[in-house]
Amino acid sequence: MNRDEVLAAYERQVRIRRGERVGRVVRKAAEGGWNGILWSDLDEDTADAEIAAQVAYFTSLNRDFEWKLYSHDRPADLAERLLAAGFAAEPEETLLAAEAAAMAAEPLLPDGVALLPVEDPAGIDLLVRAHEDAFGMSLPGLRERLVRRLAERPESMVAVVAMAGDRPVSGARLDLDPDTEFAGLFGGGTAPGWRGRGVYRALVAHRARVAVERGYRYLHVDASDESRPILLRLGFEPLGTTTPYVRAPGA
């Protein structure tokens, strides 16, 4: 896999296409959903004015929003400019990619664990419960967003829960970007007591098979410090890093 070529394709097909192009940025504004800046084309002369314009826009909507900053974005001091404008940095993640066909395999699960497709609101409840157990926090608004998406755009998402009896011990999602080569991996966190037993790897293999079946060439994922070593061992390659910079109205 040529990393430079894949990153260029990711920029064109995923970052730029996911939102609305407004001047020098691509942004997404969704009541009850994710709000923020997905991509920008800035330099030293235009950055501060564009940041101020986006702050004013989302403040007028009274919404928190995120500026998703990638390590190759310009200008080089964009992170410092965002901090000066009242944003707060969240933990850095690594943008990883892989050929979907190279990751696709029969999922090997521990004894007593089975995969359950998420096909209705009850399945979404299990998925959210798995995420909250894995990450040790409540995730307000997640259930409502996923239920709405399942009802309105079921073709854009495949979700699955790893069940140990009646307990969801892990849950994961595959986002399917139409008319692109890329499918995105989200979730996959595993509950304490079930980590290190291959559940996460099985969910990657399962979603990779689905991606290949649906005609996608690449997988991409924003990997945390916990998942990055596993994915690198599987053969994913780093394309850079990404850091969420978040800002509340009036910050």
C-alpha atoms as a PDB file:
ATOM      1  CA  MET A   1       0.000   0.000   0.000  1.00  0.00           C
ATOM      2  CA  ASN A   2       1.420   3.370  -1.029  1.00  0.00           C
ATOM      3  CA  ARG A   3       0.753   5.541   2.003  1.00  0.00           C
ATOM      4  CA  ASP A   4       1.037   8.875   0.183  1.00  0.00           C
ATOM      5  CA  GLU A   5      -1.444   7.769  -2.471  1.00  0.00           C
ATOM      6  CA  VAL A   6      -3.863   6.393   0.102  1.00  0.00           C
ATOM      7  CA  LEU A   7      -3.692   9.577   2.188  1.00  0.00           C
ATOM      8  CA  ALA A   8      -4.368  11.707  -0.894  1.00  0.00           C
ATOM      9  CA  ALA A   9      -7.355   9.501  -1.750  1.00  0.00           C
ATOM     10  CA  TYR A  10      -8.593   9.717   1.846  1.00  0.00           C
ATOM     11  CA  GLU A  11      -8.410  13.519   1.706  1.00  0.00           C
ATOM     12  CA  ARG A  12     -10.438  13.652  -1.528  1.00  0.00           C
ATOM     13  CA  GLN A  13     -12.917  10.895  -0.855  1.00  0.00           C
ATOM     14  CA  VAL A  14     -13.539  11.065   2.880  1.00  0.00           C
ATOM     15  CA  ARG A  15     -12.574  14.356   4.495  1.00  0.00           C
ATOM     16  CA  ILE A  16     -13.732  16.708   1.747  1.00  0.00           C
ATOM     17  CA  ARG A  17     -16.866  14.768   0.765  1.00  0.00           C
ATOM     18  CA  ARG A  18     -18.329  14.320   4.241  1.00  0.00           C
ATOM     19  CA  GLY A  19     -19.516  17.856   4.734  1.00  0.00           C
ATOM     20  CA  GLU A  20     -20.355  21.183   3.113  1.00  0.00           C
ATOM     21  CA  ARG A  21     -17.591  23.218   1.479  1.00  0.00           C
ATOM     22  CA  VAL A  22     -17.785  26.765   2.800  1.00  0.00           C
ATOM     23  CA  GLY A  23     -14.945  28.994   1.703  1.00  0.00           C
ATOM     24  CA  ARG A  24     -11.698  27.455   2.923  1.00  0.00           C
ATOM     25  CA  VAL A  25     -13.223  24.736   5.128  1.00  0.00           C
ATOM     26  CA  VAL A  26     -15.496  21.721   4.931  1.00  0.00           C
ATOM     27  CA  ARG A  27     -17.875  21.675   7.861  1.00  0.00           C
ATOM     28  CA  LYS A  28     -20.791  19.645   9.130  1.00  0.00           C
ATOM     29  CA  ALA A  29     -23.662  21.064  11.133  1.00  0.00           C
ATOM     30  CA  ALA A  30     -26.276  18.631  12.376  1.00  0.00           C
ATOM     31  CA  GLU A  31     -28.793  19.254  15.127  1.00  0.00           C
ATOM     32  CA  GLY A  32     -28.451  16.348  17.544  1.00  0.00           C
ATOM     33  CA  GLY A  33     -25.411  15.040  15.679  1.00  0.00           C
ATOM     34  CA  TRP A  34     -21.732  15.777  15.133  1.00  0.00           C
ATOM     35  CA  ASN A  35     -20.814  19.407  14.474  1.00  0.00           C
ATOM     36  CA  GLY A  36     -17.434  20.596  13.344  1.00  0.00           C
ATOM     37  CA  ILE A  37     -14.713  21.209  10.788  1.00  0.00           C
ATOM     38  CA  LEU A  38     -13.620  18.181   8.778  1.00  0.00           C
ATOM     39  CA  TRP A  39     -11.035  19.743   6.446  1.00  0.00           C
ATOM     40  CA  SER A  40      -9.407  23.092   5.826  1.00  0.00           C
ATOM     41  CA  ASP A  41      -7.150  24.799   3.277  1.00  0.00           C
ATOM     42  CA  LEU A  42      -5.504  27.563   5.283  1.00  0.00           C
ATOM     43  CA  ASP A  43      -2.248  29.482   5.501  1.00  0.00           C
ATOM     44  CA  GLU A  44      -0.695  32.019   7.858  1.00  0.00           C
ATOM     45  CA  ASP A  45      -2.705  34.858   6.324  1.00  0.00           C
ATOM     46  CA  THR A  46      -6.132  33.195   6.297  1.00  0.00           C
ATOM     47  CA  ALA A  47      -6.191  30.934   9.361  1.00  0.00           C
ATOM     48  CA  ASP A  48      -7.218  33.333  12.116  1.00  0.00           C
ATOM     49  CA  ALA A  49     -10.054  34.900  10.132  1.00  0.00           C
ATOM     50  CA  GLU A  50     -11.410  31.470   9.152  1.00  0.00           C
ATOM     51  CA  ILE A  51     -11.243  30.223  12.736  1.00  0.00           C
ATOM     52  CA  ALA A  52     -13.134  33.314  13.903  1.00  0.00           C
ATOM     53  CA  ALA A  53     -15.764  32.859  11.183  1.00  0.00           C
ATOM     54  CA  GLN A  54     -16.420  29.255  12.205  1.00  0.00           C
ATOM     55  CA  VAL A  55     -16.546  30.134  15.896  1.00  0.00           C
ATOM     56  CA  ALA A  56     -19.133  32.799  15.086  1.00  0.00           C
ATOM     57  CA  TYR A  57     -21.164  30.383  12.965  1.00  0.00           C
ATOM     58  CA  PHE A  58     -21.401  27.600  15.528  1.00  0.00           C
ATOM     59  CA  THR A  59     -21.900  30.083  18.373  1.00  0.00           C
ATOM     60  CA  SER A  60     -24.893  31.474  16.467  1.00  0.00           C
ATOM     61  CA  LEU A  61     -26.307  27.930  16.514  1.00  0.00           C
ATOM     62  CA  ASN A  62     -25.441  27.591  20.229  1.00  0.00           C
ATOM     63  CA  ARG A  63     -23.616  24.312  19.568  1.00  0.00           C
ATOM     64  CA  ASP A  64     -20.417  22.719  20.750  1.00  0.00           C
ATOM     65  CA  PHE A  65     -18.203  21.874  17.806  1.00  0.00           C
ATOM     66  CA  GLU A  66     -14.965  20.139  16.955  1.00  0.00           C
ATOM     67  CA  TRP A  67     -12.126  21.149  14.684  1.00  0.00           C
ATOM     68  CA  LYS A  68     -10.643  17.847  13.539  1.00  0.00           C
ATOM     69  CA  LEU A  69      -6.974  18.669  13.040  1.00  0.00           C
ATOM     70  CA  TYR A  70      -4.661  16.333  11.121  1.00  0.00           C
ATOM     71  CA  SER A  71      -0.885  16.352  11.479  1.00  0.00           C
ATOM     72  CA  HIS A  72      -0.394  17.435   7.865  1.00  0.00           C
ATOM     73  CA  ASP A  73      -2.861  20.352   8.022  1.00  0.00           C
ATOM     74  CA  ARG A  74      -1.527  23.853   7.514  1.00  0.00           C
ATOM     75  CA  PRO A  75      -0.413  26.293   8.693  1.00  0.00           C
ATOM     76  CA  ALA A  76       2.079  24.513  10.912  1.00  0.00           C
ATOM     77  CA  ASP A  77       0.901  26.430  13.978  1.00  0.00           C
ATOM     78  CA  LEU A  78      -2.826  25.793  13.443  1.00  0.00           C
ATOM     79  CA  ALA A  79      -3.047  23.936  16.749  1.00  0.00           C
ATOM     80  CA  GLU A  80      -1.696  26.944  18.652  1.00  0.00           C
ATOM     81  CA  ARG A  81      -4.122  29.240  16.834  1.00  0.00           C
ATOM     82  CA  LEU A  82      -7.054  27.016  17.815  1.00  0.00           C
ATOM     83  CA  LEU A  83      -5.978  27.002  21.456  1.00  0.00           C
ATOM     84  CA  ALA A  84      -5.707  30.797  21.391  1.00  0.00           C
ATOM     85  CA  ALA A  85      -9.264  30.944  20.020  1.00  0.00           C
ATOM     86  CA  GLY A  86     -10.684  29.039  22.996  1.00  0.00           C
ATOM     87  CA  PHE A  87     -10.510  25.444  21.792  1.00  0.00           C
ATOM     88  CA  ALA A  88      -9.386  22.593  24.045  1.00  0.00           C
ATOM     89  CA  ALA A  89      -7.373  19.648  22.730  1.00  0.00           C
ATOM     90  CA  GLU A  90      -8.578  16.103  23.335  1.00  0.00           C
ATOM     91  CA  PRO A  91      -6.284  13.036  23.172  1.00  0.00           C
ATOM     92  CA  GLU A  92      -4.401  12.534  19.923  1.00  0.00           C
ATOM     93  CA  GLU A  93      -5.258   9.517  17.782  1.00  0.00           C
ATOM     94  CA  THR A  94      -3.427   7.835  14.908  1.00  0.00           C
ATOM     95  CA  LEU A  95      -4.995   7.680  11.471  1.00  0.00           C
ATOM     96  CA  LEU A  96      -4.440   4.121  10.226  1.00  0.00           C
ATOM     97  CA  ALA A  97      -5.400   2.461   6.954  1.00  0.00           C
ATOM     98  CA  ALA A  98      -5.223  -0.998   5.425  1.00  0.00           C
ATOM     99  CA  GLU A  99      -6.361  -2.928   2.392  1.00  0.00           C
ATOM    100  CA  ALA A 100      -9.705  -4.416   3.440  1.00  0.00           C
ATOM    101  CA  ALA A 101      -9.025  -7.701   1.663  1.00  0.00           C
ATOM    102  CA  ALA A 102      -5.835  -8.194   3.669  1.00  0.00           C
ATOM    103  CA  MET A 103      -7.774  -7.858   6.952  1.00  0.00           C
ATOM    104  CA  ALA A 104     -10.820  -9.930   6.018  1.00  0.00           C
ATOM    105  CA  ALA A 105     -10.977 -13.300   7.752  1.00  0.00           C
ATOM    106  CA  GLU A 106     -13.250 -15.624   9.664  1.00  0.00           C
ATOM    107  CA  PRO A 107     -13.616 -14.006  13.102  1.00  0.00           C
ATOM    108  CA  LEU A 108     -12.053 -16.186  15.815  1.00  0.00           C
ATOM    109  CA  LEU A 109     -13.977 -15.600  19.018  1.00  0.00           C
ATOM    110  CA  PRO A 110     -13.389 -16.921  22.548  1.00  0.00           C
ATOM    111  CA  ASP A 111     -15.544 -19.805  23.686  1.00  0.00           C
ATOM    112  CA  GLY A 112     -18.958 -18.595  24.755  1.00  0.00           C
ATOM    113  CA  VAL A 113     -18.880 -15.393  22.667  1.00  0.00           C
ATOM    114  CA  ALA A 114     -21.017 -14.866  19.568  1.00  0.00           C
ATOM    115  CA  LEU A 115     -21.564 -11.940  17.198  1.00  0.00           C
ATOM    116  CA  LEU A 116     -25.023 -10.381  17.111  1.00  0.00           C
ATOM    117  CA  PRO A 117     -25.937  -8.067  14.202  1.00  0.00           C
ATOM    118  CA  VAL A 118     -27.402  -4.723  15.268  1.00  0.00           C
ATOM    119  CA  GLU A 119     -30.628  -4.329  13.308  1.00  0.00           C
ATOM    120  CA  ASP A 120     -33.075  -2.472  15.553  1.00  0.00           C
ATOM    121  CA  PRO A 121     -33.238  -0.123  18.576  1.00  0.00           C
ATOM    122  CA  ALA A 122     -32.803  -3.065  20.964  1.00  0.00           C
ATOM    123  CA  GLY A 123     -29.532  -3.877  19.232  1.00  0.00           C
ATOM    124  CA  ILE A 124     -28.478  -0.232  19.497  1.00  0.00           C
ATOM    125  CA  ASP A 125     -29.126  -0.460  23.256  1.00  0.00           C
ATOM    126  CA  LEU A 126     -26.699  -3.393  23.475  1.00  0.00           C
ATOM    127  CA  LEU A 127     -24.130  -1.563  21.353  1.00  0.00           C
ATOM    128  CA  VAL A 128     -24.245   1.543  23.549  1.00  0.00           C
ATOM    129  CA  ARG A 129     -24.070  -0.584  26.697  1.00  0.00           C
ATOM    130  CA  ALA A 130     -20.979  -2.333  25.307  1.00  0.00           C
ATOM    131  CA  HIS A 131     -19.325   1.020  24.539  1.00  0.00           C
ATOM    132  CA  GLU A 132     -20.091   2.439  27.977  1.00  0.00           C
ATOM    133  CA  ASP A 133     -18.762  -0.675  29.729  1.00  0.00           C
ATOM    134  CA  ALA A 134     -15.612  -0.675  27.594  1.00  0.00           C
ATOM    135  CA  PHE A 135     -14.808   3.012  27.929  1.00  0.00           C
ATOM    136  CA  GLY A 136     -16.025   3.476  31.486  1.00  0.00           C
ATOM    137  CA  MET A 137     -18.204   6.488  30.758  1.00  0.00           C
ATOM    138  CA  SER A 138     -21.698   7.443  29.710  1.00  0.00           C
ATOM    139  CA  LEU A 139     -22.113   8.501  26.100  1.00  0.00           C
ATOM    140  CA  PRO A 140     -25.041  10.944  26.031  1.00  0.00           C
ATOM    141  CA  GLY A 141     -26.795  11.283  22.715  1.00  0.00           C
ATOM    142  CA  LEU A 142     -25.114   8.256  21.108  1.00  0.00           C
ATOM    143  CA  ARG A 143     -28.186   6.026  21.242  1.00  0.00           C
ATOM    144  CA  GLU A 144     -30.422   8.677  19.696  1.00  0.00           C
ATOM    145  CA  ARG A 145     -27.957   9.374  16.871  1.00  0.00           C
ATOM    146  CA  LEU A 146     -27.523   5.706  16.010  1.00  0.00           C
ATOM    147  CA  VAL A 147     -31.250   4.911  16.194  1.00  0.00           C
ATOM    148  CA  ARG A 148     -31.939   7.832  13.852  1.00  0.00           C
ATOM    149  CA  ARG A 149     -29.226   6.718  11.473  1.00  0.00           C
ATOM    150  CA  LEU A 150     -30.454   3.132  11.453  1.00  0.00           C
ATOM    151  CA  ALA A 151     -33.937   4.355  10.578  1.00  0.00           C
ATOM    152  CA  GLU A 152     -32.948   6.971   7.993  1.00  0.00           C
ATOM    153  CA  ARG A 153     -29.756   5.606   6.405  1.00  0.00           C
ATOM    154  CA  PRO A 154     -29.421   1.906   7.218  1.00  0.00           C
ATOM    155  CA  GLU A 155     -27.190   1.339   4.180  1.00  0.00           C
ATOM    156  CA  SER A 156     -24.509   3.641   5.631  1.00  0.00           C
ATOM    157  CA  MET A 157     -23.711   1.541   8.705  1.00  0.00           C
ATOM    158  CA  VAL A 158     -23.128  -2.056   9.743  1.00  0.00           C
ATOM    159  CA  ALA A 159     -22.933  -2.656  13.494  1.00  0.00           C
ATOM    160  CA  VAL A 160     -22.321  -5.765  15.569  1.00  0.00           C
ATOM    161  CA  VAL A 161     -22.140  -6.692  19.249  1.00  0.00           C
ATOM    162  CA  ALA A 162     -20.027  -9.459  20.766  1.00  0.00           C
ATOM    163  CA  MET A 163     -22.244 -11.234  23.288  1.00  0.00           C
ATOM    164  CA  ALA A 164     -21.116 -13.449  26.161  1.00  0.00           C
ATOM    165  CA  GLY A 165     -24.439 -14.951  27.099  1.00  0.00           C
ATOM    166  CA  ASP A 166     -26.737 -11.976  27.621  1.00  0.00           C
ATOM    167  CA  ARG A 167     -23.876  -9.538  28.268  1.00  0.00           C
ATOM    168  CA  PRO A 168     -22.510  -7.327  25.473  1.00  0.00           C
ATOM    169  CA  VAL A 169     -18.726  -7.376  25.973  1.00  0.00           C
ATOM    170  CA  SER A 170     -17.768  -5.407  22.865  1.00  0.00           C
ATOM    171  CA  GLY A 171     -19.461  -3.507  20.086  1.00  0.00           C
ATOM    172  CA  ALA A 172     -18.277  -2.082  16.807  1.00  0.00           C
ATOM    173  CA  ARG A 173     -19.467  -0.196  13.759  1.00  0.00           C
ATOM    174  CA  LEU A 174     -18.478  -0.080  10.103  1.00  0.00           C
ATOM    175  CA  ASP A 175     -19.287   3.223   8.388  1.00  0.00           C
ATOM    176  CA  LEU A 176     -19.812   2.868   4.649  1.00  0.00           C
ATOM    177  CA  ASP A 177     -19.044   6.046   2.708  1.00  0.00           C
ATOM    178  CA  PRO A 178     -20.989   5.868  -0.575  1.00  0.00           C
ATOM    179  CA  ASP A 179     -19.075   6.296  -3.831  1.00  0.00           C
ATOM    180  CA  THR A 180     -15.686   6.003  -2.122  1.00  0.00           C
ATOM    181  CA  GLU A 181     -13.090   3.288  -1.648  1.00  0.00           C
ATOM    182  CA  PHE A 182     -13.101   3.726   2.146  1.00  0.00           C
ATOM    183  CA  ALA A 183     -15.025   2.099   4.989  1.00  0.00           C
ATOM    184  CA  GLY A 184     -14.434   3.353   8.525  1.00  0.00           C
ATOM    185  CA  LEU A 185     -13.961   1.340  11.707  1.00  0.00           C
ATOM    186  CA  PHE A 186     -15.505   2.798  14.867  1.00  0.00           C
ATOM    187  CA  GLY A 187     -15.883   1.418  18.386  1.00  0.00           C
ATOM    188  CA  GLY A 188     -14.480  -1.997  19.150  1.00  0.00           C
ATOM    189  CA  GLY A 189     -13.619  -1.292  22.767  1.00  0.00           C
ATOM    190  CA  THR A 190     -13.855  -4.411  24.940  1.00  0.00           C
ATOM    191  CA  ALA A 191     -15.115  -4.693  28.504  1.00  0.00           C
ATOM    192  CA  PRO A 192     -12.596  -5.325  31.287  1.00  0.00           C
ATOM    193  CA  GLY A 193     -12.186  -9.033  31.861  1.00  0.00           C
ATOM    194  CA  TRP A 194     -12.552  -9.795  28.163  1.00  0.00           C
ATOM    195  CA  ARG A 195      -9.536  -7.910  26.865  1.00  0.00           C
ATOM    196  CA  GLY A 196      -6.573  -9.767  25.422  1.00  0.00           C
ATOM    197  CA  ARG A 197      -8.736 -12.679  24.280  1.00  0.00           C
ATOM    198  CA  GLY A 198      -9.096 -11.797  20.614  1.00  0.00           C
ATOM    199  CA  VAL A 199     -12.500 -10.097  20.658  1.00  0.00           C
ATOM    200  CA  TYR A 200     -11.213  -6.838  19.169  1.00  0.00           C
ATOM    201  CA  ARG A 201      -9.316  -8.673  16.416  1.00  0.00           C
ATOM    202  CA  ALA A 202     -12.407 -10.728  15.599  1.00  0.00           C
ATOM    203  CA  LEU A 203     -14.500  -7.592  15.193  1.00  0.00           C
ATOM    204  CA  VAL A 204     -11.895  -6.142  12.815  1.00  0.00           C
ATOM    205  CA  ALA A 205     -11.879  -9.335  10.726  1.00  0.00           C
ATOM    206  CA  HIS A 206     -15.684  -9.443  10.601  1.00  0.00           C
ATOM    207  CA  ARG A 207     -16.025  -5.823   9.511  1.00  0.00           C
ATOM    208  CA  ALA A 208     -13.248  -6.206   6.941  1.00  0.00           C
ATOM    209  CA  ARG A 209     -15.161  -9.101   5.362  1.00  0.00           C
ATOM    210  CA  VAL A 210     -18.296  -6.973   5.190  1.00  0.00           C
ATOM    211  CA  ALA A 211     -16.324  -4.110   3.623  1.00  0.00           C
ATOM    212  CA  VAL A 212     -14.943  -6.395   0.927  1.00  0.00           C
ATOM    213  CA  GLU A 213     -18.402  -7.832   0.250  1.00  0.00           C
ATOM    214  CA  ARG A 214     -19.757  -4.296  -0.168  1.00  0.00           C
ATOM    215  CA  GLY A 215     -16.994  -3.386  -2.639  1.00  0.00           C
ATOM    216  CA  TYR A 216     -14.715  -1.236  -0.451  1.00  0.00           C
ATOM    217  CA  ARG A 217     -10.969  -1.314  -0.970  1.00  0.00           C
ATOM    218  CA  TYR A 218      -9.643   0.352   2.195  1.00  0.00           C
ATOM    219  CA  LEU A 219     -10.357   0.458   5.910  1.00  0.00           C
ATOM    220  CA  HIS A 220      -9.562   3.558   7.929  1.00  0.00           C
ATOM    221  CA  VAL A 221      -9.624   4.129  11.672  1.00  0.00           C
ATOM    222  CA  ASP A 222      -8.703   6.835  14.179  1.00  0.00           C
ATOM    223  CA  ALA A 223      -6.878   4.621  16.638  1.00  0.00           C
ATOM    224  CA  SER A 224      -6.431   5.291  20.339  1.00  0.00           C
ATOM    225  CA  ASP A 225      -3.295   4.362  22.244  1.00  0.00           C
ATOM    226  CA  GLU A 226      -5.033   1.123  23.268  1.00  0.00           C
ATOM    227  CA  SER A 227      -6.116  -0.046  19.829  1.00  0.00           C
ATOM    228  CA  ARG A 228      -3.163   1.227  17.786  1.00  0.00           C
ATOM    229  CA  PRO A 229      -0.712  -1.582  18.776  1.00  0.00           C
ATOM    230  CA  ILE A 230      -3.270  -4.261  17.898  1.00  0.00           C
ATOM    231  CA  LEU A 231      -4.036  -2.726  14.529  1.00  0.00           C
ATOM    232  CA  LEU A 232      -0.362  -2.244  13.680  1.00  0.00           C
ATOM    233  CA  ARG A 233       0.270  -5.923  14.436  1.00  0.00           C
ATOM    234  CA  LEU A 234      -2.588  -6.818  12.106  1.00  0.00           C
ATOM    235  CA  GLY A 235      -0.951  -4.861   9.300  1.00  0.00           C
ATOM    236  CA  PHE A 236      -2.557  -1.422   9.376  1.00  0.00           C
ATOM    237  CA  GLU A 237      -0.243   1.443   8.398  1.00  0.00           C
ATOM    238  CA  PRO A 238      -0.111   4.942   9.910  1.00  0.00           C
ATOM    239  CA  LEU A 239      -1.024   7.877   7.674  1.00  0.00           C
ATOM    240  CA  GLY A 240      -0.581  10.539  10.355  1.00  0.00           C
ATOM    241  CA  THR A 241      -2.246  11.699  13.546  1.00  0.00           C
ATOM    242  CA  THR A 242      -5.470  13.516  14.273  1.00  0.00           C
ATOM    243  CA  THR A 243      -6.470  15.585  17.289  1.00  0.00           C
ATOM    244  CA  PRO A 244      -9.957  16.838  18.138  1.00  0.00           C
ATOM    245  CA  TYR A 245     -10.030  20.485  19.192  1.00  0.00           C
ATOM    246  CA  VAL A 246     -13.389  21.212  20.822  1.00  0.00           C
ATOM    247  CA  ARG A 247     -15.108  24.453  21.694  1.00  0.00           C
ATOM    248  CA  ALA A 248     -18.311  25.202  23.553  1.00  0.00           C
ATOM    249  CA  PRO A 249     -20.492  28.228  22.777  1.00  0.00           C
ATOM    250  CA  GLY A 250     -19.150  31.256  24.604  1.00  0.00           C
ATOM    251  CA  ALA A 251     -15.808  29.594  25.445  1.00  0.00           C
END
